Amino acid sequence: MPVTAVAFDLDYTLAVPDRDRQTLLDDATEAVGAPRFSREAYLDAHRRHLTNETREAIFADLLGEDSTVSPAALADAYRDAIEEALVPVEGAEALVVDLKETYRVGLLTDGPVRAQQAKLDALGWADLFDTVVITGSLAAGKPDDRTFAAILDGLSSAPDETVYVGDHPEADIRGAHAAGLRTIQILDGSDAVPEADAGIERDALAADLPGLIGDL
């Protein structure tokens, strides 16, 4: 079937921070007097709390019950740090606008609702997509097939006529593939996983993605 819809991941697909995430996390913990957490520990807690309104549950998990630091304050500090650092991949906004002339275009992003919506607001993308699904509003996060069912519902498209574009091998590519979508993996010097129908370097996204979609 011909492609009628395209859905994107957000983080490290359409937008990236201009500083590494460990630095941003360190800035946030220092701002509120919290202990330092590794990026790996944060990601483990993030995976346990994909369906929340804010990052407060993530930081409550990391801080523990005996902490005197407010998880809400730390969540706010980290959100502010990310918003200040987030920049779009070159040509990403124009790419989405151009694709909307041919396809329905949506966004499916993992994370707490307030955090991911704040990123869209900071980028000026609140109204860029035809539909936006944030897993914090769902019963599960990627790669659960319910998340891909939600974006398909928002796009009013069938799996085999929808392309999902994302960077994470498991959450994005294997998850979308298992749900029946076509997949294009965003690369950063690595190889695409076998489940990807195609791969593209992030810095070539705007120039090469339309042709890749047309070839699927």
Protein backbone atom coordinates (compact mmCIF):
# COMPACT_ATOMS: atom_id res chain seq x y z
CA MET A 1 0.00 0.00 0.00
CA PRO A 2 1.22 3.55 -0.63
CA VAL A 3 2.35 5.62 2.32
CA THR A 4 -0.35 8.02 3.54
CA ALA A 5 1.05 9.05 6.93
CA VAL A 6 4.36 9.75 8.63
CA ALA A 7 4.95 9.79 12.38
CA PHE A 8 8.06 11.06 14.14
CA ASP A 9 9.79 10.54 17.43
CA LEU A 10 10.92 13.83 19.01
CA ASP A 11 14.09 13.52 21.08
CA TYR A 12 17.26 12.87 19.06
CA THR A 13 15.12 12.59 15.93
CA LEU A 14 13.74 16.09 15.31
CA ALA A 15 15.44 17.95 18.16
CA VAL A 16 18.62 17.56 20.20
CA PRO A 17 20.08 19.37 23.24
CA ASP A 18 23.15 21.51 22.60
CA ARG A 19 24.74 20.02 25.72
CA ASP A 20 24.88 16.38 26.76
CA ARG A 21 22.08 15.15 29.00
CA GLN A 22 24.39 14.30 31.91
CA THR A 23 25.51 17.94 32.04
CA LEU A 24 21.88 19.10 32.01
CA LEU A 25 21.00 16.66 34.78
CA ASP A 26 23.98 17.84 36.83
CA ASP A 27 22.92 21.47 36.35
CA ALA A 28 19.41 20.65 37.61
CA THR A 29 20.51 18.69 40.68
CA GLU A 30 23.03 21.40 41.59
CA ALA A 31 20.35 24.08 41.27
CA VAL A 32 18.16 22.49 43.95
CA GLY A 33 20.87 20.92 46.12
CA ALA A 34 20.10 17.33 45.13
CA PRO A 35 22.68 14.54 44.95
CA ARG A 36 24.20 13.76 41.56
CA PHE A 37 22.55 10.99 39.53
CA SER A 38 24.07 9.23 36.55
CA ARG A 39 22.33 9.44 33.20
CA GLU A 40 21.92 5.65 33.31
CA ALA A 41 20.13 5.78 36.67
CA TYR A 42 17.85 8.54 35.37
CA LEU A 43 16.97 6.53 32.25
CA ASP A 44 16.17 3.46 34.36
CA ALA A 45 13.76 5.54 36.46
CA HIS A 46 12.36 7.21 33.34
CA ARG A 47 11.48 3.80 31.87
CA ARG A 48 9.57 2.96 35.05
CA HIS A 49 7.51 6.16 34.82
CA LEU A 50 6.61 6.69 31.17
CA THR A 51 2.93 7.32 31.85
CA ASN A 52 2.92 10.37 34.11
CA GLU A 53 1.96 14.01 33.86
CA THR A 54 5.38 15.26 35.05
CA ARG A 55 8.90 14.00 35.87
CA GLU A 56 8.10 14.30 39.59
CA ALA A 57 7.63 10.53 39.93
CA ILE A 58 10.97 9.91 38.21
CA PHE A 59 12.85 12.13 40.65
CA ALA A 60 10.89 10.85 43.65
CA ASP A 61 12.09 7.38 42.66
CA LEU A 62 15.70 8.58 42.38
CA LEU A 63 15.71 10.71 45.53
CA GLY A 64 14.08 8.15 47.81
CA GLU A 65 11.65 8.67 50.65
CA ASP A 66 14.18 10.20 53.06
CA SER A 67 15.31 13.02 50.80
CA THR A 68 14.71 16.62 51.84
CA VAL A 69 14.83 17.76 48.20
CA SER A 70 11.49 18.33 46.51
CA PRO A 71 10.99 16.01 43.50
CA ALA A 72 8.74 18.66 41.97
CA ALA A 73 11.43 21.34 42.28
CA LEU A 74 14.01 19.04 40.71
CA ALA A 75 11.60 18.18 37.90
CA ASP A 76 11.07 21.88 37.22
CA ALA A 77 14.81 22.58 37.23
CA TYR A 78 15.53 19.75 34.81
CA ARG A 79 12.70 20.80 32.49
CA ASP A 80 14.04 24.35 32.44
CA ALA A 81 17.57 23.12 31.67
CA ILE A 82 16.38 21.00 28.76
CA GLU A 83 14.16 23.73 27.32
CA GLU A 84 17.10 26.15 27.28
CA ALA A 85 19.37 23.61 25.58
CA LEU A 86 16.96 22.09 23.04
CA VAL A 87 17.54 22.94 19.38
CA PRO A 88 15.82 21.57 16.27
CA VAL A 89 17.66 19.36 13.83
CA GLU A 90 18.52 21.54 10.85
CA GLY A 91 15.56 21.84 8.49
CA ALA A 92 13.24 19.75 10.69
CA GLU A 93 10.37 22.22 10.87
CA ALA A 94 10.38 22.93 7.13
CA LEU A 95 10.56 19.18 6.51
CA VAL A 96 7.37 18.56 8.51
CA VAL A 97 5.59 21.43 6.77
CA ASP A 98 6.58 20.07 3.35
CA LEU A 99 5.58 16.50 4.21
CA LYS A 100 2.12 17.70 5.29
CA GLU A 101 1.43 18.65 1.68
CA THR A 102 1.44 14.94 0.81
CA TYR A 103 0.93 12.98 4.05
CA ARG A 104 -0.72 13.26 7.43
CA VAL A 105 2.13 13.89 9.85
CA GLY A 106 2.13 13.09 13.55
CA LEU A 107 4.40 12.94 16.57
CA LEU A 108 4.70 10.05 19.04
CA THR A 109 7.03 10.85 21.92
CA ASP A 110 7.86 9.07 25.17
CA GLY A 111 7.77 10.84 28.48
CA PRO A 112 5.69 12.84 30.94
CA VAL A 113 3.06 15.06 29.34
CA ARG A 114 4.20 18.36 30.85
CA ALA A 115 7.86 17.76 29.98
CA GLN A 116 7.25 16.80 26.35
CA GLN A 117 4.66 19.52 25.78
CA ALA A 118 7.11 22.07 27.19
CA LYS A 119 9.66 20.96 24.60
CA LEU A 120 7.16 21.49 21.79
CA ASP A 121 6.28 24.91 23.17
CA ALA A 122 9.96 25.87 23.45
CA LEU A 123 10.56 24.81 19.84
CA GLY A 124 7.45 26.66 18.65
CA TRP A 125 5.97 23.38 17.42
CA ALA A 126 2.74 23.23 19.42
CA ASP A 127 0.66 23.37 16.22
CA LEU A 128 3.16 21.88 13.77
CA PHE A 129 1.78 18.33 13.59
CA ASP A 130 -1.60 16.98 12.56
CA THR A 131 -1.68 14.95 15.77
CA VAL A 132 0.54 14.54 18.83
CA VAL A 133 0.63 11.55 21.18
CA ILE A 134 2.65 11.79 24.40
CA THR A 135 2.96 8.48 26.24
CA GLY A 136 2.46 10.17 29.60
CA SER A 137 -1.23 10.29 28.70
CA LEU A 138 -1.37 6.57 27.85
CA ALA A 139 -1.34 3.31 29.77
CA ALA A 140 2.12 2.40 28.44
CA GLY A 141 5.15 3.85 26.69
CA LYS A 142 7.08 2.72 23.65
CA PRO A 143 7.72 0.01 22.49
CA ASP A 144 4.30 -1.17 23.69
CA ASP A 145 2.08 -1.62 20.64
CA ARG A 146 -0.69 0.42 22.33
CA THR A 147 1.42 3.54 21.83
CA PHE A 148 1.63 2.92 18.09
CA ALA A 149 -2.08 2.14 17.98
CA ALA A 150 -2.68 5.58 19.52
CA ILE A 151 -0.70 7.43 16.85
CA LEU A 152 -2.34 5.41 14.09
CA ASP A 153 -5.71 6.36 15.51
CA GLY A 154 -4.69 10.03 15.56
CA LEU A 155 -3.50 9.83 11.96
CA SER A 156 -6.49 7.75 10.81
CA SER A 157 -4.04 5.47 9.00
CA ALA A 158 -3.35 1.76 8.74
CA PRO A 159 -0.02 0.37 9.98
CA ASP A 160 1.23 -0.71 6.56
CA GLU A 161 0.62 2.74 5.08
CA THR A 162 2.36 4.58 7.92
CA VAL A 163 6.09 5.29 8.32
CA TYR A 164 7.57 5.80 11.78
CA VAL A 165 10.81 7.77 11.99
CA GLY A 166 12.86 7.47 15.18
CA ASP A 167 16.33 6.93 16.56
CA HIS A 168 16.01 4.34 19.34
CA PRO A 169 16.52 0.76 18.09
CA GLU A 170 14.18 -0.85 20.63
CA ALA A 171 11.57 1.75 21.57
CA ASP A 172 11.19 3.29 18.12
CA ILE A 173 12.23 0.87 15.40
CA ARG A 174 11.56 -2.57 16.84
CA GLY A 175 8.42 -1.30 18.55
CA ALA A 176 6.99 0.23 15.39
CA HIS A 177 8.01 -2.74 13.27
CA ALA A 178 6.27 -5.16 15.64
CA ALA A 179 3.13 -3.01 15.39
CA GLY A 180 3.20 -3.34 11.60
CA LEU A 181 4.47 0.13 10.68
CA ARG A 182 7.22 0.82 8.17
CA THR A 183 10.31 2.22 9.84
CA ILE A 184 13.16 4.62 9.13
CA GLN A 185 15.91 4.80 11.72
CA ILE A 186 17.72 8.04 12.49
CA LEU A 187 21.44 7.28 12.76
CA ASP A 188 24.37 9.04 14.37
CA GLY A 189 27.27 7.18 12.82
CA SER A 190 25.89 3.73 13.69
CA ASP A 191 24.22 1.04 11.56
CA ALA A 192 20.46 0.58 11.31
CA VAL A 193 18.95 -2.45 13.03
CA PRO A 194 17.54 -5.23 10.79
CA GLU A 195 13.94 -4.21 11.60
CA ALA A 196 14.44 -0.81 9.97
CA ASP A 197 13.23 -0.47 6.38
CA ALA A 198 15.84 2.26 5.89
CA GLY A 199 18.35 4.33 7.84
CA ILE A 200 19.38 7.96 7.54
CA GLU A 201 22.02 10.06 9.27
CA ARG A 202 20.47 12.76 11.44
CA ASP A 203 22.24 15.58 9.64
CA ALA A 204 20.76 14.39 6.33
CA LEU A 205 17.20 14.21 7.64
CA ALA A 206 15.69 17.20 5.85
CA ALA A 207 17.42 16.54 2.55
CA ASP A 208 16.98 12.78 2.25
CA LEU A 209 13.89 11.72 4.20
CA PRO A 210 11.25 12.60 1.56
CA GLY A 211 13.02 10.46 -1.02
CA LEU A 212 13.36 7.55 1.39
CA ILE A 213 9.64 7.68 2.19
CA GLY A 214 8.83 7.76 -1.51
CA ASP A 215 10.93 4.64 -2.08
CA LEU A 216 9.15 2.54 0.57
